[in-house]
C-alpha atoms as a PDB file:
ATOM      1  CA  MET A   1       3.027 -52.706  73.943  1.00  0.00           C
ATOM      2  CA  LEU A   2       3.082 -55.859  76.024  1.00  0.00           C
ATOM      3  CA  GLN A   3       6.446 -54.727  77.443  1.00  0.00           C
ATOM      4  CA  SER A   4       4.815 -51.825  79.252  1.00  0.00           C
ATOM      5  CA  ARG A   5       2.572 -54.166  81.237  1.00  0.00           C
ATOM      6  CA  VAL A   6       5.445 -55.346  83.452  1.00  0.00           C
ATOM      7  CA  ARG A   7       7.038 -53.422  86.297  1.00  0.00           C
ATOM      8  CA  PRO A   8       8.829 -54.364  89.541  1.00  0.00           C
ATOM      9  CA  ALA A   9       6.598 -55.118  92.518  1.00  0.00           C
ATOM     10  CA  ARG A  10       7.222 -53.344  95.800  1.00  0.00           C
ATOM     11  CA  ARG A  11       6.658 -55.837  98.573  1.00  0.00           C
ATOM     12  CA  PRO A  12       6.453 -54.282 102.062  1.00  0.00           C
ATOM     13  CA  PRO A  13       9.047 -55.441 104.619  1.00  0.00           C
ATOM     14  CA  PRO A  14       7.806 -57.952 107.216  1.00  0.00           C
ATOM     15  CA  SER A  15       6.391 -56.383 110.357  1.00  0.00           C
ATOM     16  CA  ASN A  16       7.550 -57.366 113.846  1.00  0.00           C
ATOM     17  CA  THR A  17       4.222 -56.405 115.384  1.00  0.00           C
ATOM     18  CA  SER A  18       0.685 -57.637 114.991  1.00  0.00           C
ATOM     19  CA  THR A  19      -0.478 -54.202 113.881  1.00  0.00           C
ATOM     20  CA  PRO A  20      -1.471 -54.269 110.210  1.00  0.00           C
ATOM     21  CA  ALA A  21       0.715 -52.177 107.969  1.00  0.00           C
ATOM     22  CA  PRO A  22      -0.978 -49.134 106.449  1.00  0.00           C
ATOM     23  CA  ASN A  23      -2.193 -49.572 102.890  1.00  0.00           C
ATOM     24  CA  LEU A  24       0.190 -47.111 101.265  1.00  0.00           C
ATOM     25  CA  PRO A  25       0.681 -46.805  97.517  1.00  0.00           C
ATOM     26  CA  ASP A  26       3.770 -48.400  96.062  1.00  0.00           C
ATOM     27  CA  GLU A  27       6.669 -46.042  95.471  1.00  0.00           C
ATOM     28  CA  GLU A  28       8.790 -46.759  92.427  1.00  0.00           C
ATOM     29  CA  GLU A  29      12.462 -45.960  92.252  1.00  0.00           C
ATOM     30  CA  PRO A  30      13.510 -43.578  89.445  1.00  0.00           C
ATOM     31  CA  GLU A  31      15.469 -46.345  87.726  1.00  0.00           C
ATOM     32  CA  ASP A  32      12.379 -48.580  87.758  1.00  0.00           C
ATOM     33  CA  VAL A  33      10.312 -45.886  86.076  1.00  0.00           C
ATOM     34  CA  PHE A  34      13.049 -45.366  83.483  1.00  0.00           C
ATOM     35  CA  GLY A  35      13.376 -49.102  82.911  1.00  0.00           C
ATOM     36  CA  ALA A  36       9.645 -49.472  82.321  1.00  0.00           C
ATOM     37  CA  PHE A  37       9.833 -46.886  79.541  1.00  0.00           C
ATOM     38  CA  LEU A  38      12.877 -48.349  77.744  1.00  0.00           C
ATOM     39  CA  PRO A  39      10.733 -50.363  75.311  1.00  0.00           C
ATOM     40  CA  HIS A  40       9.053 -47.097  74.284  1.00  0.00           C
ATOM     41  CA  LEU A  41      12.336 -45.211  73.933  1.00  0.00           C
ATOM     42  CA  PHE A  42      14.204 -48.000  72.126  1.00  0.00           C
ATOM     43  CA  PRO A  43      11.553 -50.347  70.649  1.00  0.00           C
ATOM     44  CA  ASP A  44      14.047 -52.222  68.453  1.00  0.00           C
ATOM     45  CA  ASP A  45      16.041 -53.173  71.550  1.00  0.00           C
ATOM     46  CA  ALA A  46      13.110 -54.120  73.791  1.00  0.00           C
ATOM     47  CA  PRO A  47      13.975 -57.223  75.863  1.00  0.00           C
ATOM     48  CA  SER A  48      12.573 -60.687  75.231  1.00  0.00           C
ATOM     49  CA  PHE A  49      12.399 -61.385  78.960  1.00  0.00           C
ATOM     50  CA  HIS A  50      11.724 -59.575  82.216  1.00  0.00           C
ATOM     51  CA  GLY A  51      12.867 -59.822  85.824  1.00  0.00           C
ATOM     52  CA  ASP A  52      15.703 -61.377  87.790  1.00  0.00           C
ATOM     53  CA  PRO A  53      15.746 -64.638  89.780  1.00  0.00           C
ATOM     54  CA  GLY A  54      13.428 -64.393  92.775  1.00  0.00           C
ATOM     55  CA  GLN A  55      12.123 -60.966  91.820  1.00  0.00           C
ATOM     56  CA  HIS A  56       8.432 -60.160  92.106  1.00  0.00           C
ATOM     57  CA  LEU A  57       6.912 -58.413  89.092  1.00  0.00           C
ATOM     58  CA  LEU A  58       3.552 -56.780  88.580  1.00  0.00           C
ATOM     59  CA  TYR A  59       1.840 -57.720  85.326  1.00  0.00           C
ATOM     60  CA  ALA A  60      -0.805 -55.104  84.501  1.00  0.00           C
ATOM     61  CA  SER A  61      -3.780 -57.106  83.247  1.00  0.00           C
ATOM     62  CA  PRO A  62      -6.484 -54.925  81.653  1.00  0.00           C
ATOM     63  CA  ARG A  63      -9.196 -57.385  82.726  1.00  0.00           C
ATOM     64  CA  TYR A  64      -7.938 -58.763  86.052  1.00  0.00           C
ATOM     65  CA  GLY A  65      -5.836 -55.911  87.439  1.00  0.00           C
ATOM     66  CA  ASP A  66      -2.249 -56.167  88.671  1.00  0.00           C
ATOM     67  CA  LEU A  67      -1.036 -59.757  88.957  1.00  0.00           C
ATOM     68  CA  GLU A  68       2.016 -60.399  91.124  1.00  0.00           C
ATOM     69  CA  ILE A  69       4.374 -62.816  89.395  1.00  0.00           C
ATOM     70  CA  MET A  70       7.354 -64.357  91.183  1.00  0.00           C
ATOM     71  CA  VAL A  71      10.298 -65.149  88.906  1.00  0.00           C
ATOM     72  CA  PRO A  72      11.767 -68.616  89.690  1.00  0.00           C
ATOM     73  CA  THR A  73      15.191 -68.882  91.280  1.00  0.00           C
ATOM     74  CA  TYR A  74      17.670 -71.513  92.388  1.00  0.00           C
ATOM     75  CA  PRO A  75      18.818 -71.278  96.023  1.00  0.00           C
ATOM     76  CA  GLY A  76      21.845 -69.021  96.200  1.00  0.00           C
ATOM     77  CA  GLN A  77      21.634 -67.831  92.610  1.00  0.00           C
ATOM     78  CA  SER A  78      22.417 -64.191  91.878  1.00  0.00           C
ATOM     79  CA  HIS A  79      19.506 -61.766  91.847  1.00  0.00           C
ATOM     80  CA  ASN A  80      21.253 -59.824  89.088  1.00  0.00           C
ATOM     81  CA  ARG A  81      21.201 -62.730  86.662  1.00  0.00           C
ATOM     82  CA  SER A  82      20.119 -60.695  83.647  1.00  0.00           C
ATOM     83  CA  GLU A  83      23.130 -58.406  84.081  1.00  0.00           C
ATOM     84  CA  GLU A  84      25.420 -61.421  84.386  1.00  0.00           C
ATOM     85  CA  ILE A  85      23.996 -62.955  81.215  1.00  0.00           C
ATOM     86  CA  ALA A  86      24.605 -59.704  79.351  1.00  0.00           C
ATOM     87  CA  ALA A  87      28.191 -59.719  80.645  1.00  0.00           C
ATOM     88  CA  GLY A  88      28.695 -63.353  79.594  1.00  0.00           C
ATOM     89  CA  LEU A  89      29.218 -64.686  83.115  1.00  0.00           C
ATOM     90  CA  SER A  90      28.452 -68.304  83.937  1.00  0.00           C
ATOM     91  CA  ASP A  91      26.952 -69.765  87.093  1.00  0.00           C
ATOM     92  CA  ARG A  92      30.086 -71.729  87.919  1.00  0.00           C
ATOM     93  CA  LYS A  93      33.282 -70.077  89.101  1.00  0.00           C
ATOM     94  CA  ASP A  94      35.510 -73.142  89.056  1.00  0.00           C
ATOM     95  CA  GLY A  95      35.811 -73.442  85.270  1.00  0.00           C
ATOM     96  CA  LEU A  96      34.547 -77.051  85.203  1.00  0.00           C
ATOM     97  CA  ASN A  97      32.424 -78.288  82.332  1.00  0.00           C
ATOM     98  CA  GLN A  98      28.717 -78.534  83.066  1.00  0.00           C
ATOM     99  CA  ASN A  99      25.736 -80.354  81.661  1.00  0.00           C
ATOM    100  CA  PRO A 100      24.485 -77.907  78.989  1.00  0.00           C
ATOM    101  CA  VAL A 101      20.861 -79.065  79.283  1.00  0.00           C
ATOM    102  CA  GLU A 102      20.774 -78.542  83.048  1.00  0.00           C
ATOM    103  CA  GLU A 103      22.570 -75.203  82.735  1.00  0.00           C
ATOM    104  CA  GLY A 104      20.107 -74.190  80.043  1.00  0.00           C
ATOM    105  CA  ARG A 105      17.168 -74.956  82.262  1.00  0.00           C
ATOM    106  CA  LYS A 106      18.680 -72.836  85.008  1.00  0.00           C
ATOM    107  CA  LEU A 107      19.190 -69.977  82.602  1.00  0.00           C
ATOM    108  CA  PHE A 108      15.840 -69.951  80.844  1.00  0.00           C
ATOM    109  CA  ALA A 109      13.568 -70.660  83.815  1.00  0.00           C
ATOM    110  CA  HIS A 110      14.512 -67.434  85.562  1.00  0.00           C
ATOM    111  CA  PHE A 111      12.557 -64.887  83.554  1.00  0.00           C
ATOM    112  CA  LEU A 112       9.094 -63.868  82.518  1.00  0.00           C
ATOM    113  CA  TRP A 113       9.268 -64.323  78.744  1.00  0.00           C
ATOM    114  CA  ASN A 114       7.391 -62.316  76.107  1.00  0.00           C
ATOM    115  CA  ALA A 115       5.995 -65.497  74.537  1.00  0.00           C
ATOM    116  CA  GLY A 116       4.091 -66.238  77.743  1.00  0.00           C
ATOM    117  CA  MET A 117       2.825 -62.669  77.784  1.00  0.00           C
ATOM    118  CA  VAL A 118       1.534 -63.021  74.209  1.00  0.00           C
ATOM    119  CA  ILE A 119      -0.509 -66.081  75.193  1.00  0.00           C
ATOM    120  CA  ALA A 120      -1.738 -64.434  78.399  1.00  0.00           C
ATOM    121  CA  ALA A 121      -2.880 -61.358  76.472  1.00  0.00           C
ATOM    122  CA  GLY A 122      -4.634 -63.502  73.866  1.00  0.00           C
ATOM    123  CA  VAL A 123      -6.493 -65.560  76.468  1.00  0.00           C
ATOM    124  CA  GLU A 124      -7.518 -62.401  78.291  1.00  0.00           C
ATOM    125  CA  ASP A 125      -8.761 -60.741  75.094  1.00  0.00           C
ATOM    126  CA  ALA A 126     -10.810 -63.839  74.269  1.00  0.00           C
ATOM    127  CA  ALA A 127     -12.348 -63.781  77.753  1.00  0.00           C
ATOM    128  CA  ALA A 128     -13.254 -60.136  77.170  1.00  0.00           C
ATOM    129  CA  GLY A 129     -15.217 -61.177  74.084  1.00  0.00           C
ATOM    130  CA  LYS A 130     -12.940 -59.775  71.397  1.00  0.00           C
ATOM    131  CA  ALA A 131     -13.863 -61.548  68.174  1.00  0.00           C
ATOM    132  CA  GLU A 132     -10.352 -61.464  66.710  1.00  0.00           C
ATOM    133  CA  ALA A 133      -8.973 -63.258  69.801  1.00  0.00           C
ATOM    134  CA  GLN A 134     -11.363 -66.203  69.985  1.00  0.00           C
ATOM    135  CA  MET A 135      -8.687 -68.663  68.853  1.00  0.00           C
ATOM    136  CA  TRP A 136      -7.269 -68.127  72.379  1.00  0.00           C
ATOM    137  CA  ASN A 137     -10.546 -68.959  74.154  1.00  0.00           C
ATOM    138  CA  VAL A 138     -10.128 -71.256  77.200  1.00  0.00           C
ATOM    139  CA  ASP A 139     -13.646 -71.039  78.633  1.00  0.00           C
ATOM    140  CA  GLY A 140     -14.554 -74.585  79.713  1.00  0.00           C
ATOM    141  CA  GLU A 141     -11.341 -76.037  78.251  1.00  0.00           C
ATOM    142  CA  ARG A 142      -8.841 -78.385  79.914  1.00  0.00           C
ATOM    143  CA  VAL A 143      -5.518 -76.508  79.732  1.00  0.00           C
ATOM    144  CA  LEU A 144      -2.005 -77.948  80.036  1.00  0.00           C
ATOM    145  CA  GLU A 145       1.088 -75.720  80.133  1.00  0.00           C
ATOM    146  CA  LEU A 146       4.412 -77.361  79.270  1.00  0.00           C
ATOM    147  CA  GLY A 147       7.694 -75.801  80.428  1.00  0.00           C
ATOM    148  CA  ALA A 148       5.681 -73.255  82.377  1.00  0.00           C
ATOM    149  CA  GLY A 149       8.409 -71.306  84.201  1.00  0.00           C
ATOM    150  CA  ALA A 150       6.601 -68.393  85.867  1.00  0.00           C
ATOM    151  CA  ALA A 151       3.279 -69.770  84.498  1.00  0.00           C
ATOM    152  CA  LEU A 152       1.622 -66.458  83.608  1.00  0.00           C
ATOM    153  CA  PRO A 153      -0.510 -68.078  80.840  1.00  0.00           C
ATOM    154  CA  SER A 154      -1.781 -70.624  83.372  1.00  0.00           C
ATOM    155  CA  VAL A 155      -2.725 -67.862  85.823  1.00  0.00           C
ATOM    156  CA  ILE A 156      -4.690 -66.022  83.135  1.00  0.00           C
ATOM    157  CA  SER A 157      -6.292 -69.275  81.922  1.00  0.00           C
ATOM    158  CA  ALA A 158      -7.556 -70.069  85.432  1.00  0.00           C
ATOM    159  CA  LEU A 159      -8.947 -66.543  85.774  1.00  0.00           C
ATOM    160  CA  SER A 160     -10.598 -66.883  82.348  1.00  0.00           C
ATOM    161  CA  ASN A 161     -12.832 -69.811  83.340  1.00  0.00           C
ATOM    162  CA  ALA A 162     -10.840 -72.769  82.047  1.00  0.00           C
ATOM    163  CA  ALA A 163     -12.422 -75.947  83.395  1.00  0.00           C
ATOM    164  CA  ALA A 164      -9.024 -77.204  84.570  1.00  0.00           C
ATOM    165  CA  VAL A 165      -5.460 -75.899  84.428  1.00  0.00           C
ATOM    166  CA  THR A 166      -2.458 -78.197  84.840  1.00  0.00           C
ATOM    167  CA  VAL A 167       0.922 -76.483  85.137  1.00  0.00           C
ATOM    168  CA  THR A 168       4.026 -78.540  84.399  1.00  0.00           C
ATOM    169  CA  ASP A 169       7.767 -78.041  84.247  1.00  0.00           C
ATOM    170  CA  HIS A 170      10.786 -80.319  84.247  1.00  0.00           C
ATOM    171  CA  PRO A 171      11.249 -82.111  87.610  1.00  0.00           C
ATOM    172  CA  SER A 172      14.542 -80.230  88.119  1.00  0.00           C
ATOM    173  CA  SER A 173      13.049 -76.828  87.303  1.00  0.00           C
ATOM    174  CA  PRO A 174      13.384 -74.122  89.975  1.00  0.00           C
ATOM    175  CA  ALA A 175       9.854 -73.021  89.139  1.00  0.00           C
ATOM    176  CA  LEU A 176       8.509 -76.046  91.022  1.00  0.00           C
ATOM    177  CA  SER A 177      10.263 -74.898  94.214  1.00  0.00           C
ATOM    178  CA  GLY A 178       7.638 -72.276  94.982  1.00  0.00           C
ATOM    179  CA  ALA A 179       7.264 -69.787  92.135  1.00  0.00           C
ATOM    180  CA  ILE A 180       4.471 -71.603  90.298  1.00  0.00           C
ATOM    181  CA  ALA A 181       2.575 -72.321  93.511  1.00  0.00           C
ATOM    182  CA  PHE A 182       2.873 -68.682  94.607  1.00  0.00           C
ATOM    183  CA  ASN A 183       1.805 -67.306  91.240  1.00  0.00           C
ATOM    184  CA  MET A 184      -1.244 -69.541  90.981  1.00  0.00           C
ATOM    185  CA  THR A 185      -2.384 -69.395  94.604  1.00  0.00           C
ATOM    186  CA  HIS A 186      -1.670 -65.730  95.304  1.00  0.00           C
ATOM    187  CA  ASN A 187      -3.352 -64.382  92.187  1.00  0.00           C
ATOM    188  CA  LEU A 188      -6.378 -66.672  92.286  1.00  0.00           C
ATOM    189  CA  GLN A 189      -7.057 -66.167  95.998  1.00  0.00           C
ATOM    190  CA  HIS A 190      -6.835 -62.377  95.680  1.00  0.00           C
ATOM    191  CA  ARG A 191      -9.589 -62.466  93.057  1.00  0.00           C
ATOM    192  CA  GLY A 192     -11.954 -64.839  94.790  1.00  0.00           C
ATOM    193  CA  ALA A 193     -12.379 -68.545  94.209  1.00  0.00           C
ATOM    194  CA  SER A 194     -11.610 -69.639  90.656  1.00  0.00           C
ATOM    195  CA  SER A 195     -13.923 -72.114  88.983  1.00  0.00           C
ATOM    196  CA  SER A 196     -10.871 -73.870  87.514  1.00  0.00           C
ATOM    197  CA  THR A 197      -9.359 -76.998  88.988  1.00  0.00           C
ATOM    198  CA  VAL A 198      -5.633 -76.269  89.291  1.00  0.00           C
ATOM    199  CA  ALA A 199      -2.801 -78.813  89.513  1.00  0.00           C
ATOM    200  CA  ILE A 200       0.995 -78.401  89.504  1.00  0.00           C
ATOM    201  CA  VAL A 201       2.835 -81.485  88.229  1.00  0.00           C
ATOM    202  CA  PRO A 202       6.477 -82.239  87.312  1.00  0.00           C
ATOM    203  CA  HIS A 203       6.791 -83.536  83.755  1.00  0.00           C
ATOM    204  CA  GLU A 204       9.811 -84.415  81.664  1.00  0.00           C
ATOM    205  CA  TRP A 205       9.059 -84.107  77.962  1.00  0.00           C
ATOM    206  CA  GLY A 206       8.852 -87.451  76.200  1.00  0.00           C
ATOM    207  CA  ILE A 207       8.602 -89.484  79.429  1.00  0.00           C
ATOM    208  CA  LEU A 208       5.049 -90.798  79.189  1.00  0.00           C
ATOM    209  CA  SER A 209       4.958 -93.906  81.386  1.00  0.00           C
ATOM    210  CA  ASP A 210       4.536 -92.169  84.762  1.00  0.00           C
ATOM    211  CA  PRO A 211       1.115 -92.187  86.502  1.00  0.00           C
ATOM    212  CA  PHE A 212       0.287 -88.578  85.522  1.00  0.00           C
ATOM    213  CA  SER A 213       0.971 -89.199  81.842  1.00  0.00           C
ATOM    214  CA  VAL A 214      -0.877 -92.503  81.744  1.00  0.00           C
ATOM    215  CA  ALA A 215      -3.931 -90.974  83.433  1.00  0.00           C
ATOM    216  CA  HIS A 216      -4.054 -87.946  81.115  1.00  0.00           C
ATOM    217  CA  LYS A 217      -3.452 -89.383  77.655  1.00  0.00           C
ATOM    218  CA  ALA A 218      -5.565 -87.497  75.073  1.00  0.00           C
ATOM    219  CA  HIS A 219      -7.018 -85.414  77.900  1.00  0.00           C
ATOM    220  CA  PHE A 220      -6.192 -81.734  77.322  1.00  0.00           C
ATOM    221  CA  THR A 221      -8.076 -79.592  74.826  1.00  0.00           C
ATOM    222  CA  ARG A 222      -5.582 -76.700  74.979  1.00  0.00           C
ATOM    223  CA  ILE A 223      -1.809 -77.138  75.355  1.00  0.00           C
ATOM    224  CA  ILE A 224       0.458 -74.133  75.945  1.00  0.00           C
ATOM    225  CA  ALA A 225       4.160 -74.221  75.075  1.00  0.00           C
ATOM    226  CA  ALA A 226       5.748 -70.758  75.245  1.00  0.00           C
ATOM    227  CA  ASP A 227       9.466 -70.343  74.515  1.00  0.00           C
ATOM    228  CA  CYS A 228      10.237 -74.052  74.813  1.00  0.00           C
ATOM    229  CA  TYR A 229      12.147 -74.546  71.552  1.00  0.00           C
ATOM    230  CA  TRP A 230      15.744 -73.398  72.031  1.00  0.00           C
ATOM    231  CA  MET A 231      17.020 -76.950  72.735  1.00  0.00           C
ATOM    232  CA  ARG A 232      16.945 -78.759  69.374  1.00  0.00           C
ATOM    233  CA  SER A 233      17.717 -82.030  71.137  1.00  0.00           C
ATOM    234  CA  GLN A 234      14.385 -81.783  72.976  1.00  0.00           C
ATOM    235  CA  HIS A 235      12.148 -81.055  69.963  1.00  0.00           C
ATOM    236  CA  GLU A 236      11.117 -84.659  69.496  1.00  0.00           C
ATOM    237  CA  ASN A 237      10.461 -85.195  73.206  1.00  0.00           C
ATOM    238  CA  LEU A 238       8.392 -81.995  73.404  1.00  0.00           C
ATOM    239  CA  ALA A 239       6.348 -82.941  70.337  1.00  0.00           C
ATOM    240  CA  ARG A 240       5.756 -86.441  71.718  1.00  0.00           C
ATOM    241  CA  SER A 241       4.373 -84.951  74.947  1.00  0.00           C
ATOM    242  CA  MET A 242       2.088 -82.661  72.957  1.00  0.00           C
ATOM    243  CA  LEU A 243       0.805 -85.528  70.832  1.00  0.00           C
ATOM    244  CA  TRP A 244       0.286 -87.744  73.869  1.00  0.00           C
ATOM    245  CA  PHE A 245      -1.681 -85.271  75.977  1.00  0.00           C
ATOM    246  CA  LEU A 246      -3.712 -83.604  73.190  1.00  0.00           C
ATOM    247  CA  ALA A 247      -7.402 -84.482  73.131  1.00  0.00           C
ATOM    248  CA  PRO A 248      -9.179 -85.106  69.806  1.00  0.00           C
ATOM    249  CA  GLY A 249     -10.184 -81.738  68.359  1.00  0.00           C
ATOM    250  CA  GLY A 250      -7.847 -79.868  70.715  1.00  0.00           C
ATOM    251  CA  CYS A 251      -5.023 -77.520  69.773  1.00  0.00           C
ATOM    252  CA  VAL A 252      -1.491 -76.649  70.811  1.00  0.00           C
ATOM    253  CA  TRP A 253      -0.296 -73.036  71.064  1.00  0.00           C
ATOM    254  CA  VAL A 254       3.337 -72.896  69.946  1.00  0.00           C
ATOM    255  CA  VAL A 255       4.744 -69.427  70.690  1.00  0.00           C
ATOM    256  CA  ALA A 256       8.385 -68.376  70.418  1.00  0.00           C
ATOM    257  CA  ASN A 257      10.258 -65.089  70.397  1.00  0.00           C
ATOM    258  CA  PHE A 258      12.602 -64.448  67.494  1.00  0.00           C
ATOM    259  CA  HIS A 259      15.587 -64.693  69.842  1.00  0.00           C
ATOM    260  CA  THR A 260      15.055 -68.461  69.454  1.00  0.00           C
ATOM    261  CA  GLY A 261      15.775 -68.158  65.720  1.00  0.00           C
ATOM    262  CA  ARG A 262      13.527 -68.872  62.745  1.00  0.00           C
ATOM    263  CA  GLU A 263      15.519 -71.947  61.742  1.00  0.00           C
ATOM    264  CA  ILE A 264      15.138 -73.560  65.158  1.00  0.00           C
ATOM    265  CA  VAL A 265      11.395 -72.864  65.323  1.00  0.00           C
ATOM    266  CA  ALA A 266      10.930 -74.159  61.765  1.00  0.00           C
ATOM    267  CA  GLY A 267      12.841 -77.281  62.765  1.00  0.00           C
ATOM    268  CA  PHE A 268      10.432 -77.880  65.617  1.00  0.00           C
ATOM    269  CA  PHE A 269       7.442 -77.651  63.284  1.00  0.00           C
ATOM    270  CA  GLU A 270       9.080 -80.140  60.923  1.00  0.00           C
ATOM    271  CA  THR A 271       9.632 -82.560  63.789  1.00  0.00           C
ATOM    272  CA  ALA A 272       6.089 -82.117  65.112  1.00  0.00           C
ATOM    273  CA  VAL A 273       4.549 -82.775  61.685  1.00  0.00           C
ATOM    274  CA  SER A 274       6.722 -85.851  61.151  1.00  0.00           C
ATOM    275  CA  LEU A 275       5.351 -87.292  64.402  1.00  0.00           C
ATOM    276  CA  GLY A 276       1.708 -86.727  63.464  1.00  0.00           C
ATOM    277  CA  LEU A 277       0.770 -83.215  64.575  1.00  0.00           C
ATOM    278  CA  GLU A 278      -0.766 -80.807  62.060  1.00  0.00           C
ATOM    279  CA  VAL A 279       0.005 -77.096  61.662  1.00  0.00           C
ATOM    280  CA  GLU A 280      -3.306 -75.237  61.463  1.00  0.00           C
ATOM    281  CA  ARG A 281      -2.041 -71.658  61.138  1.00  0.00           C
ATOM    282  CA  ILE A 282       1.055 -69.559  61.749  1.00  0.00           C
ATOM    283  CA  HIS A 283       1.006 -65.939  62.904  1.00  0.00           C
ATOM    284  CA  GLU A 284       3.893 -63.513  63.099  1.00  0.00           C
ATOM    285  CA  ARG A 285       3.470 -60.646  65.535  1.00  0.00           C
ATOM    286  CA  ASP A 286       5.463 -57.526  66.322  1.00  0.00           C
ATOM    287  CA  CYS A 287       5.040 -56.940  70.056  1.00  0.00           C
ATOM    288  CA  MET A 288       7.157 -53.779  69.995  1.00  0.00           C
ATOM    289  CA  THR A 289       5.014 -51.459  67.857  1.00  0.00           C
ATOM    290  CA  THR A 290       1.499 -50.067  67.763  1.00  0.00           C
ATOM    291  CA  GLY A 291      -0.702 -48.891  64.941  1.00  0.00           C
ATOM    292  CA  ASP A 292      -2.428 -45.568  64.493  1.00  0.00           C
ATOM    293  CA  ASP A 293      -5.381 -46.758  66.595  1.00  0.00           C
ATOM    294  CA  GLY A 294      -3.107 -47.722  69.503  1.00  0.00           C
ATOM    295  CA  ALA A 295      -3.529 -51.441  68.919  1.00  0.00           C
ATOM    296  CA  GLU A 296      -0.499 -53.700  68.750  1.00  0.00           C
ATOM    297  CA  ASP A 297       0.549 -54.524  65.192  1.00  0.00           C
ATOM    298  CA  GLU A 298       0.265 -58.123  64.023  1.00  0.00           C
ATOM    299  CA  ALA A 299       1.446 -59.715  60.806  1.00  0.00           C
END
């Protein structure tokens, strides 16, 4: 299961001396071990997201080893955000109405989502030469990730020999305040120099007159959009960005968890087709179960 690839990272406390800290194995708390096994114990209730704001997670990559992924956070936001969401608590304590789009961005940027993990696993399998995964191949491709959040697919794409990887999120996204830069730089540097050219750029969907957009029209051969569909009001803007940046012969990977809702995802496809994009194929995958051979089931 993809769920079992994620566990909390144990970062050593800063040292006050110049003596290097000993290289000791990480020690996991009992509750962390239990939490990592919840998807196995209760597969029907496995979460669609992982982590809390500002938390560091370890993503166990079969090909590249443990990748340390920092979950984005707003300054001063609770580090128990997932518990607060479950309890129905809002960010504001004064009861005033808030901009739902901005509040939504705050909410959904602060996790590592399963949809991103699905793309990361597919790209990694393609890099490993698995024939059934070659639709995810990024070798030599120019990759753009929209609404990247923690940007795990971009990290894996850069490690999998993409020619260039451009990571974008909304200009107000907390991910641009350090999480994306940490995740890309830390994981690429720890595995030697990547052959990919990496850029991190703010981008608001549907706004295509800025210098970045003008310079990269019809430029990207692979576009990643994982769990970007929950705001119906942004479907047209998102599709316009896809259409603008997509190179001739390129493809867009649209991946969404079912927590988004079938109707909403279907609505996005309808909007995208009406604007000129074509749907090549649709897959439905169960990330919670495995077959008799140990492989993850896919429909």
